Amino acid sequence: MNYPVVDMVKTGKRIRELMKLNNVRTKDIVEYMGFESEQSVYKWLRGDSLPKVDNLFALARLFDTPMDSIIMERTGEDESPLLPLLMVLNY
């Protein structure tokens, strides 16, 4: 059994897909979440970072979908399960 790993880029694409399906703009997410700028949302969409759990929960509510339908899994056995953690820590 392989350890499940979140794919940040695919997750960003999934968030963008849900935005299109729900006619939600980046600006709408910023206002909904109470952010001061769009920077965090753009990082999610690019796959540079992932939403924190509370933001993921809010996105799920906004898109009326389960949280696990937003997060996408990385496929491939050659990648270390620590890679996403290292990317976040070095960012």
PDB file of N, CA and C in Angstrom:
ATOM      1  N   MET A   1       0.851  -1.171   0.000  1.00  0.00           N
ATOM      2  CA  MET A   1       0.000   0.000   0.000  1.00  0.00           C
ATOM      3  C   MET A   1       0.896   1.233   0.000  1.00  0.00           C
ATOM      4  N   ASN A   2       0.562   2.209  -0.861  1.00  0.00           N
ATOM      5  CA  ASN A   2       1.327   3.442  -0.953  1.00  0.00           C
ATOM      6  C   ASN A   2       0.746   4.506  -0.040  1.00  0.00           C
ATOM      7  N   TYR A   3       1.625   5.269   0.558  1.00  0.00           N
ATOM      8  CA  TYR A   3       1.224   6.383   1.403  1.00  0.00           C
ATOM      9  C   TYR A   3       0.609   7.464   0.522  1.00  0.00           C
ATOM     10  N   PRO A   4      -0.612   7.946   0.842  1.00  0.00           N
ATOM     11  CA  PRO A   4      -1.248   8.970   0.006  1.00  0.00           C
ATOM     12  C   PRO A   4      -0.568  10.329   0.185  1.00  0.00           C
ATOM     13  N   VAL A   5      -0.328  11.002  -0.920  1.00  0.00           N
ATOM     14  CA  VAL A   5       0.339  12.300  -0.913  1.00  0.00           C
ATOM     15  C   VAL A   5      -0.504  13.287  -1.713  1.00  0.00           C
ATOM     16  N   VAL A   6      -0.675  14.475  -1.174  1.00  0.00           N
ATOM     17  CA  VAL A   6      -1.450  15.517  -1.842  1.00  0.00           C
ATOM     18  C   VAL A   6      -0.640  16.102  -2.992  1.00  0.00           C
ATOM     19  N   ASP A   7      -1.271  16.251  -4.133  1.00  0.00           N
ATOM     20  CA  ASP A   7      -0.660  16.900  -5.290  1.00  0.00           C
ATOM     21  C   ASP A   7      -1.120  18.352  -5.294  1.00  0.00           C
ATOM     22  N   MET A   8      -0.212  19.271  -4.972  1.00  0.00           N
ATOM     23  CA  MET A   8      -0.580  20.674  -4.842  1.00  0.00           C
ATOM     24  C   MET A   8      -1.008  21.290  -6.175  1.00  0.00           C
ATOM     25  N   VAL A   9      -0.351  20.913  -7.255  1.00  0.00           N
ATOM     26  CA  VAL A   9      -0.696  21.468  -8.567  1.00  0.00           C
ATOM     27  C   VAL A   9      -2.084  20.987  -9.002  1.00  0.00           C
ATOM     28  N   LYS A  10      -2.335  19.692  -8.872  1.00  0.00           N
ATOM     29  CA  LYS A  10      -3.655  19.156  -9.239  1.00  0.00           C
ATOM     30  C   LYS A  10      -4.749  19.739  -8.352  1.00  0.00           C
ATOM     31  N   THR A  11      -4.430  19.960  -7.084  1.00  0.00           N
ATOM     32  CA  THR A  11      -5.403  20.554  -6.173  1.00  0.00           C
ATOM     33  C   THR A  11      -5.717  21.974  -6.609  1.00  0.00           C
ATOM     34  N   GLY A  12      -4.706  22.722  -7.004  1.00  0.00           N
ATOM     35  CA  GLY A  12      -4.925  24.077  -7.523  1.00  0.00           C
ATOM     36  C   GLY A  12      -5.817  24.078  -8.753  1.00  0.00           C
ATOM     37  N   LYS A  13      -5.580  23.117  -9.646  1.00  0.00           N
ATOM     38  CA  LYS A  13      -6.411  22.992 -10.848  1.00  0.00           C
ATOM     39  C   LYS A  13      -7.840  22.626 -10.475  1.00  0.00           C
ATOM     40  N   ARG A  14      -7.996  21.797  -9.455  1.00  0.00           N
ATOM     41  CA  ARG A  14      -9.329  21.403  -8.997  1.00  0.00           C
ATOM     42  C   ARG A  14     -10.077  22.604  -8.406  1.00  0.00           C
ATOM     43  N   ILE A  15      -9.377  23.433  -7.644  1.00  0.00           N
ATOM     44  CA  ILE A  15     -10.007  24.630  -7.092  1.00  0.00           C
ATOM     45  C   ILE A  15     -10.460  25.544  -8.231  1.00  0.00           C
ATOM     46  N   ARG A  16      -9.603  25.711  -9.230  1.00  0.00           N
ATOM     47  CA  ARG A  16      -9.969  26.545 -10.394  1.00  0.00           C
ATOM     48  C   ARG A  16     -11.193  25.958 -11.108  1.00  0.00           C
ATOM     49  N   GLU A  17     -11.227  24.641 -11.257  1.00  0.00           N
ATOM     50  CA  GLU A  17     -12.357  23.964 -11.891  1.00  0.00           C
ATOM     51  C   GLU A  17     -13.651  24.224 -11.103  1.00  0.00           C
ATOM     52  N   LEU A  18     -13.571  24.109  -9.786  1.00  0.00           N
ATOM     53  CA  LEU A  18     -14.747  24.358  -8.948  1.00  0.00           C
ATOM     54  C   LEU A  18     -15.174  25.822  -9.017  1.00  0.00           C
ATOM     55  N   MET A  19     -14.208  26.715  -9.150  1.00  0.00           N
ATOM     56  CA  MET A  19     -14.538  28.131  -9.298  1.00  0.00           C
ATOM     57  C   MET A  19     -15.350  28.355 -10.575  1.00  0.00           C
ATOM     58  N   LYS A  20     -14.908  27.739 -11.667  1.00  0.00           N
ATOM     59  CA  LYS A  20     -15.625  27.879 -12.941  1.00  0.00           C
ATOM     60  C   LYS A  20     -17.031  27.291 -12.849  1.00  0.00           C
ATOM     61  N   LEU A  21     -17.134  26.093 -12.272  1.00  0.00           N
ATOM     62  CA  LEU A  21     -18.435  25.428 -12.156  1.00  0.00           C
ATOM     63  C   LEU A  21     -19.427  26.229 -11.315  1.00  0.00           C
ATOM     64  N   ASN A  22     -18.904  26.976 -10.341  1.00  0.00           N
ATOM     65  CA  ASN A  22     -19.756  27.722  -9.423  1.00  0.00           C
ATOM     66  C   ASN A  22     -19.769  29.223  -9.700  1.00  0.00           C
ATOM     67  N   ASN A  23     -19.181  29.632 -10.823  1.00  0.00           N
ATOM     68  CA  ASN A  23     -19.110  31.049 -11.190  1.00  0.00           C
ATOM     69  C   ASN A  23     -18.564  31.907 -10.051  1.00  0.00           C
ATOM     70  N   VAL A  24     -17.463  31.440  -9.472  1.00  0.00           N
ATOM     71  CA  VAL A  24     -16.813  32.140  -8.365  1.00  0.00           C
ATOM     72  C   VAL A  24     -15.483  32.703  -8.867  1.00  0.00           C
ATOM     73  N   ARG A  25     -15.264  33.981  -8.615  1.00  0.00           N
ATOM     74  CA  ARG A  25     -14.015  34.635  -8.994  1.00  0.00           C
ATOM     75  C   ARG A  25     -13.052  34.628  -7.811  1.00  0.00           C
ATOM     76  N   THR A  26     -11.796  34.851  -8.102  1.00  0.00           N
ATOM     77  CA  THR A  26     -10.794  34.948  -7.044  1.00  0.00           C
ATOM     78  C   THR A  26     -11.206  36.015  -6.036  1.00  0.00           C
ATOM     79  N   LYS A  27     -11.676  37.126  -6.539  1.00  0.00           N
ATOM     80  CA  LYS A  27     -12.116  38.222  -5.675  1.00  0.00           C
ATOM     81  C   LYS A  27     -13.232  37.772  -4.731  1.00  0.00           C
ATOM     82  N   ASP A  28     -14.117  36.904  -5.215  1.00  0.00           N
ATOM     83  CA  ASP A  28     -15.209  36.388  -4.378  1.00  0.00           C
ATOM     84  C   ASP A  28     -14.665  35.562  -3.215  1.00  0.00           C
ATOM     85  N   ILE A  29     -13.648  34.740  -3.492  1.00  0.00           N
ATOM     86  CA  ILE A  29     -13.048  33.923  -2.434  1.00  0.00           C
ATOM     87  C   ILE A  29     -12.372  34.822  -1.395  1.00  0.00           C
ATOM     88  N   VAL A  30     -11.662  35.838  -1.874  1.00  0.00           N
ATOM     89  CA  VAL A  30     -10.987  36.771  -0.974  1.00  0.00           C
ATOM     90  C   VAL A  30     -11.997  37.426  -0.034  1.00  0.00           C
ATOM     91  N   GLU A  31     -13.099  37.877  -0.576  1.00  0.00           N
ATOM     92  CA  GLU A  31     -14.134  38.523   0.243  1.00  0.00           C
ATOM     93  C   GLU A  31     -14.780  37.517   1.196  1.00  0.00           C
ATOM     94  N   TYR A  32     -15.075  36.330   0.707  1.00  0.00           N
ATOM     95  CA  TYR A  32     -15.714  35.291   1.515  1.00  0.00           C
ATOM     96  C   TYR A  32     -14.843  34.894   2.700  1.00  0.00           C
ATOM     97  N   MET A  33     -13.524  34.795   2.450  1.00  0.00           N
ATOM     98  CA  MET A  33     -12.594  34.354   3.484  1.00  0.00           C
ATOM     99  C   MET A  33     -12.114  35.504   4.369  1.00  0.00           C
ATOM    100  N   GLY A  34     -12.361  36.718   3.925  1.00  0.00           N
ATOM    101  CA  GLY A  34     -11.906  37.869   4.701  1.00  0.00           C
ATOM    102  C   GLY A  34     -10.420  38.142   4.560  1.00  0.00           C
ATOM    103  N   PHE A  35      -9.825  37.718   3.443  1.00  0.00           N
ATOM    104  CA  PHE A  35      -8.410  37.968   3.193  1.00  0.00           C
ATOM    105  C   PHE A  35      -8.205  39.428   2.807  1.00  0.00           C
ATOM    106  N   GLU A  36      -7.008  39.929   3.025  1.00  0.00           N
ATOM    107  CA  GLU A  36      -6.681  41.304   2.651  1.00  0.00           C
ATOM    108  C   GLU A  36      -6.263  41.413   1.186  1.00  0.00           C
ATOM    109  N   SER A  37      -5.759  40.320   0.617  1.00  0.00           N
ATOM    110  CA  SER A  37      -5.341  40.328  -0.782  1.00  0.00           C
ATOM    111  C   SER A  37      -5.644  38.965  -1.408  1.00  0.00           C
ATOM    112  N   GLU A  38      -5.393  38.889  -2.706  1.00  0.00           N
ATOM    113  CA  GLU A  38      -5.648  37.660  -3.462  1.00  0.00           C
ATOM    114  C   GLU A  38      -4.443  36.720  -3.459  1.00  0.00           C
ATOM    115  N   GLN A  39      -3.352  37.115  -2.824  1.00  0.00           N
ATOM    116  CA  GLN A  39      -2.098  36.373  -2.871  1.00  0.00           C
ATOM    117  C   GLN A  39      -2.239  34.901  -2.483  1.00  0.00           C
ATOM    118  N   SER A  40      -2.920  34.615  -1.371  1.00  0.00           N
ATOM    119  CA  SER A  40      -3.063  33.224  -0.919  1.00  0.00           C
ATOM    120  C   SER A  40      -3.827  32.389  -1.938  1.00  0.00           C
ATOM    121  N   VAL A  41      -4.882  32.949  -2.476  1.00  0.00           N
ATOM    122  CA  VAL A  41      -5.702  32.216  -3.447  1.00  0.00           C
ATOM    123  C   VAL A  41      -4.881  31.919  -4.696  1.00  0.00           C
ATOM    124  N   TYR A  42      -4.115  32.895  -5.171  1.00  0.00           N
ATOM    125  CA  TYR A  42      -3.271  32.662  -6.341  1.00  0.00           C
ATOM    126  C   TYR A  42      -2.222  31.576  -6.071  1.00  0.00           C
ATOM    127  N   LYS A  43      -1.692  31.526  -4.850  1.00  0.00           N
ATOM    128  CA  LYS A  43      -0.734  30.469  -4.509  1.00  0.00           C
ATOM    129  C   LYS A  43      -1.397  29.105  -4.569  1.00  0.00           C
ATOM    130  N   TRP A  44      -2.645  29.017  -4.105  1.00  0.00           N
ATOM    131  CA  TRP A  44      -3.373  27.741  -4.194  1.00  0.00           C
ATOM    132  C   TRP A  44      -3.562  27.351  -5.653  1.00  0.00           C
ATOM    133  N   LEU A  45      -3.995  28.309  -6.471  1.00  0.00           N
ATOM    134  CA  LEU A  45      -4.300  28.022  -7.874  1.00  0.00           C
ATOM    135  C   LEU A  45      -3.064  27.605  -8.654  1.00  0.00           C
ATOM    136  N   ARG A  46      -1.910  28.165  -8.303  1.00  0.00           N
ATOM    137  CA  ARG A  46      -0.649  27.790  -8.972  1.00  0.00           C
ATOM    138  C   ARG A  46      -0.082  26.478  -8.444  1.00  0.00           C
ATOM    139  N   GLY A  47      -0.558  26.028  -7.294  1.00  0.00           N
ATOM    140  CA  GLY A  47      -0.006  24.825  -6.691  1.00  0.00           C
ATOM    141  C   GLY A  47       1.236  25.111  -5.870  1.00  0.00           C
ATOM    142  N   ASP A  48       1.430  26.374  -5.496  1.00  0.00           N
ATOM    143  CA  ASP A  48       2.574  26.740  -4.665  1.00  0.00           C
ATOM    144  C   ASP A  48       2.325  26.422  -3.194  1.00  0.00           C
ATOM    145  N   SER A  49       1.068  26.382  -2.795  1.00  0.00           N
ATOM    146  CA  SER A  49       0.715  26.053  -1.416  1.00  0.00           C
ATOM    147  C   SER A  49      -0.694  25.460  -1.402  1.00  0.00           C
ATOM    148  N   LEU A  50      -1.068  24.963  -0.234  1.00  0.00           N
ATOM    149  CA  LEU A  50      -2.404  24.398  -0.047  1.00  0.00           C
ATOM    150  C   LEU A  50      -3.176  25.247   0.947  1.00  0.00           C
ATOM    151  N   PRO A  51      -4.509  25.258   0.832  1.00  0.00           N
ATOM    152  CA  PRO A  51      -5.304  25.958   1.847  1.00  0.00           C
ATOM    153  C   PRO A  51      -5.126  25.283   3.207  1.00  0.00           C
ATOM    154  N   LYS A  52      -5.089  26.086   4.263  1.00  0.00           N
ATOM    155  CA  LYS A  52      -5.101  25.530   5.617  1.00  0.00           C
ATOM    156  C   LYS A  52      -6.432  24.821   5.806  1.00  0.00           C
ATOM    157  N   VAL A  53      -6.511  23.965   6.797  1.00  0.00           N
ATOM    158  CA  VAL A  53      -7.712  23.147   6.996  1.00  0.00           C
ATOM    159  C   VAL A  53      -8.965  24.010   7.138  1.00  0.00           C
ATOM    160  N   ASP A  54      -8.898  25.105   7.895  1.00  0.00           N
ATOM    161  CA  ASP A  54     -10.080  25.943   8.053  1.00  0.00           C
ATOM    162  C   ASP A  54     -10.479  26.601   6.737  1.00  0.00           C
ATOM    163  N   ASN A  55      -9.488  26.962   5.908  1.00  0.00           N
ATOM    164  CA  ASN A  55      -9.800  27.531   4.598  1.00  0.00           C
ATOM    165  C   ASN A  55     -10.334  26.467   3.646  1.00  0.00           C
ATOM    166  N   LEU A  56      -9.811  25.262   3.750  1.00  0.00           N
ATOM    167  CA  LEU A  56     -10.323  24.154   2.955  1.00  0.00           C
ATOM    168  C   LEU A  56     -11.784  23.870   3.312  1.00  0.00           C
ATOM    169  N   PHE A  57     -12.074  23.909   4.596  1.00  0.00           N
ATOM    170  CA  PHE A  57     -13.445  23.712   5.062  1.00  0.00           C
ATOM    171  C   PHE A  57     -14.366  24.802   4.493  1.00  0.00           C
ATOM    172  N   ALA A  58     -13.887  26.046   4.516  1.00  0.00           N
ATOM    173  CA  ALA A  58     -14.676  27.160   3.974  1.00  0.00           C
ATOM    174  C   ALA A  58     -14.875  27.001   2.467  1.00  0.00           C
ATOM    175  N   LEU A  59     -13.846  26.582   1.744  1.00  0.00           N
ATOM    176  CA  LEU A  59     -13.984  26.356   0.298  1.00  0.00           C
ATOM    177  C   LEU A  59     -15.017  25.272   0.014  1.00  0.00           C
ATOM    178  N   ALA A  60     -14.971  24.208   0.807  1.00  0.00           N
ATOM    179  CA  ALA A  60     -15.930  23.118   0.620  1.00  0.00           C
ATOM    180  C   ALA A  60     -17.357  23.636   0.797  1.00  0.00           C
ATOM    181  N   ARG A  61     -17.562  24.485   1.782  1.00  0.00           N
ATOM    182  CA  ARG A  61     -18.888  25.074   1.998  1.00  0.00           C
ATOM    183  C   ARG A  61     -19.267  25.995   0.833  1.00  0.00           C
ATOM    184  N   LEU A  62     -18.320  26.813   0.403  1.00  0.00           N
ATOM    185  CA  LEU A  62     -18.574  27.739  -0.695  1.00  0.00           C
ATOM    186  C   LEU A  62     -18.965  26.996  -1.967  1.00  0.00           C
ATOM    187  N   PHE A  63     -18.269  25.895  -2.251  1.00  0.00           N
ATOM    188  CA  PHE A  63     -18.524  25.121  -3.468  1.00  0.00           C
ATOM    189  C   PHE A  63     -19.557  24.018  -3.268  1.00  0.00           C
ATOM    190  N   ASP A  64     -20.065  23.889  -2.046  1.00  0.00           N
ATOM    191  CA  ASP A  64     -21.052  22.866  -1.710  1.00  0.00           C
ATOM    192  C   ASP A  64     -20.569  21.471  -2.136  1.00  0.00           C
ATOM    193  N   THR A  65     -19.369  21.141  -1.663  1.00  0.00           N
ATOM    194  CA  THR A  65     -18.748  19.870  -2.009  1.00  0.00           C
ATOM    195  C   THR A  65     -17.949  19.372  -0.807  1.00  0.00           C
ATOM    196  N   PRO A  66     -17.729  18.083  -0.677  1.00  0.00           N
ATOM    197  CA  PRO A  66     -16.904  17.579   0.432  1.00  0.00           C
ATOM    198  C   PRO A  66     -15.452  18.050   0.312  1.00  0.00           C
ATOM    199  N   MET A  67     -14.799  18.219   1.444  1.00  0.00           N
ATOM    200  CA  MET A  67     -13.404  18.666   1.451  1.00  0.00           C
ATOM    201  C   MET A  67     -12.510  17.727   0.649  1.00  0.00           C
ATOM    202  N   ASP A  68     -12.750  16.433   0.752  1.00  0.00           N
ATOM    203  CA  ASP A  68     -11.885  15.489   0.048  1.00  0.00           C
ATOM    204  C   ASP A  68     -12.081  15.489  -1.454  1.00  0.00           C
ATOM    205  N   SER A  69     -13.101  16.187  -1.950  1.00  0.00           N
ATOM    206  CA  SER A  69     -13.250  16.303  -3.406  1.00  0.00           C
ATOM    207  C   SER A  69     -12.448  17.485  -3.952  1.00  0.00           C
ATOM    208  N   ILE A  70     -11.882  18.278  -3.050  1.00  0.00           N
ATOM    209  CA  ILE A  70     -11.045  19.410  -3.467  1.00  0.00           C
ATOM    210  C   ILE A  70      -9.579  18.980  -3.540  1.00  0.00           C
ATOM    211  N   ILE A  71      -9.146  18.223  -2.550  1.00  0.00           N
ATOM    212  CA  ILE A  71      -7.749  17.778  -2.478  1.00  0.00           C
ATOM    213  C   ILE A  71      -7.518  16.630  -3.458  1.00  0.00           C
ATOM    214  N   MET A  72      -6.493  16.774  -4.283  1.00  0.00           N
ATOM    215  CA  MET A  72      -6.160  15.755  -5.273  1.00  0.00           C
ATOM    216  C   MET A  72      -4.898  15.009  -4.860  1.00  0.00           C
ATOM    217  N   GLU A  73      -4.912  13.721  -5.096  1.00  0.00           N
ATOM    218  CA  GLU A  73      -3.802  12.860  -4.704  1.00  0.00           C
ATOM    219  C   GLU A  73      -2.750  12.794  -5.791  1.00  0.00           C
ATOM    220  N   ARG A  74      -1.500  12.743  -5.356  1.00  0.00           N
ATOM    221  CA  ARG A  74      -0.394  12.564  -6.289  1.00  0.00           C
ATOM    222  C   ARG A  74      -0.322  11.100  -6.663  1.00  0.00           C
ATOM    223  N   THR A  75      -0.125  10.837  -7.930  1.00  0.00           N
ATOM    224  CA  THR A  75       0.028   9.464  -8.389  1.00  0.00           C
ATOM    225  C   THR A  75       1.475   9.262  -8.813  1.00  0.00           C
ATOM    226  N   GLY A  76       1.987   8.117  -8.570  1.00  0.00           N
ATOM    227  CA  GLY A  76       3.374   7.807  -8.902  1.00  0.00           C
ATOM    228  C   GLY A  76       4.094   7.306  -7.672  1.00  0.00           C
ATOM    229  N   GLU A  77       4.860   6.263  -7.842  1.00  0.00           N
ATOM    230  CA  GLU A  77       5.508   5.621  -6.709  1.00  0.00           C
ATOM    231  C   GLU A  77       6.928   6.123  -6.478  1.00  0.00           C
ATOM    232  N   ASP A  78       7.454   6.943  -7.396  1.00  0.00           N
ATOM    233  CA  ASP A  78       8.847   7.346  -7.289  1.00  0.00           C
ATOM    234  C   ASP A  78       9.062   8.579  -6.421  1.00  0.00           C
ATOM    235  N   GLU A  79       8.002   9.166  -5.895  1.00  0.00           N
ATOM    236  CA  GLU A  79       8.136  10.389  -5.125  1.00  0.00           C
ATOM    237  C   GLU A  79       8.054  10.110  -3.631  1.00  0.00           C
ATOM    238  N   SER A  80       8.851  10.807  -2.885  1.00  0.00           N
ATOM    239  CA  SER A  80       8.883  10.655  -1.439  1.00  0.00           C
ATOM    240  C   SER A  80       7.645  11.275  -0.815  1.00  0.00           C
ATOM    241  N   PRO A  81       7.044  10.634   0.192  1.00  0.00           N
ATOM    242  CA  PRO A  81       5.902  11.226   0.864  1.00  0.00           C
ATOM    243  C   PRO A  81       6.259  12.506   1.611  1.00  0.00           C
ATOM    244  N   LEU A  82       7.544  12.757   1.826  1.00  0.00           N
ATOM    245  CA  LEU A  82       7.966  13.970   2.519  1.00  0.00           C
ATOM    246  C   LEU A  82       8.161  15.153   1.573  1.00  0.00           C
ATOM    247  N   LEU A  83       8.123  14.932   0.261  1.00  0.00           N
ATOM    248  CA  LEU A  83       8.363  15.999  -0.704  1.00  0.00           C
ATOM    249  C   LEU A  83       7.438  17.194  -0.507  1.00  0.00           C
ATOM    250  N   PRO A  84       6.120  17.019  -0.391  1.00  0.00           N
ATOM    251  CA  PRO A  84       5.261  18.202  -0.188  1.00  0.00           C
ATOM    252  C   PRO A  84       5.590  18.944   1.099  1.00  0.00           C
ATOM    253  N   LEU A  85       5.921  18.222   2.148  1.00  0.00           N
ATOM    254  CA  LEU A  85       6.278  18.863   3.418  1.00  0.00           C
ATOM    255  C   LEU A  85       7.556  19.676   3.248  1.00  0.00           C
ATOM    256  N   LEU A  86       8.529  19.108   2.563  1.00  0.00           N
ATOM    257  CA  LEU A  86       9.789  19.829   2.338  1.00  0.00           C
ATOM    258  C   LEU A  86       9.558  21.077   1.500  1.00  0.00           C
ATOM    259  N   MET A  87       8.662  20.979   0.513  1.00  0.00           N
ATOM    260  CA  MET A  87       8.358  22.133  -0.340  1.00  0.00           C
ATOM    261  C   MET A  87       7.724  23.246   0.493  1.00  0.00           C
ATOM    262  N   VAL A  88       6.828  22.903   1.372  1.00  0.00           N
ATOM    263  CA  VAL A  88       6.149  23.900   2.196  1.00  0.00           C
ATOM    264  C   VAL A  88       7.134  24.529   3.172  1.00  0.00           C
ATOM    265  N   LEU A  89       7.984  23.712   3.797  1.00  0.00           N
ATOM    266  CA  LEU A  89       8.943  24.225   4.766  1.00  0.00           C
ATOM    267  C   LEU A  89       9.983  25.123   4.128  1.00  0.00           C
ATOM    268  N   ASN A  90      10.335  24.846   2.891  1.00  0.00           N
ATOM    269  CA  ASN A  90      11.334  25.660   2.200  1.00  0.00           C
ATOM    270  C   ASN A  90      10.730  26.861   1.525  1.00  0.00           C
ATOM    271  N   TYR A  91       9.455  26.971   1.460  1.00  0.00           N
ATOM    272  CA  TYR A  91       8.790  28.086   0.794  1.00  0.00           C
ATOM    273  C   TYR A  91       8.831  29.260   1.653  1.00  0.00           C
TER     274      TYR A  91
END
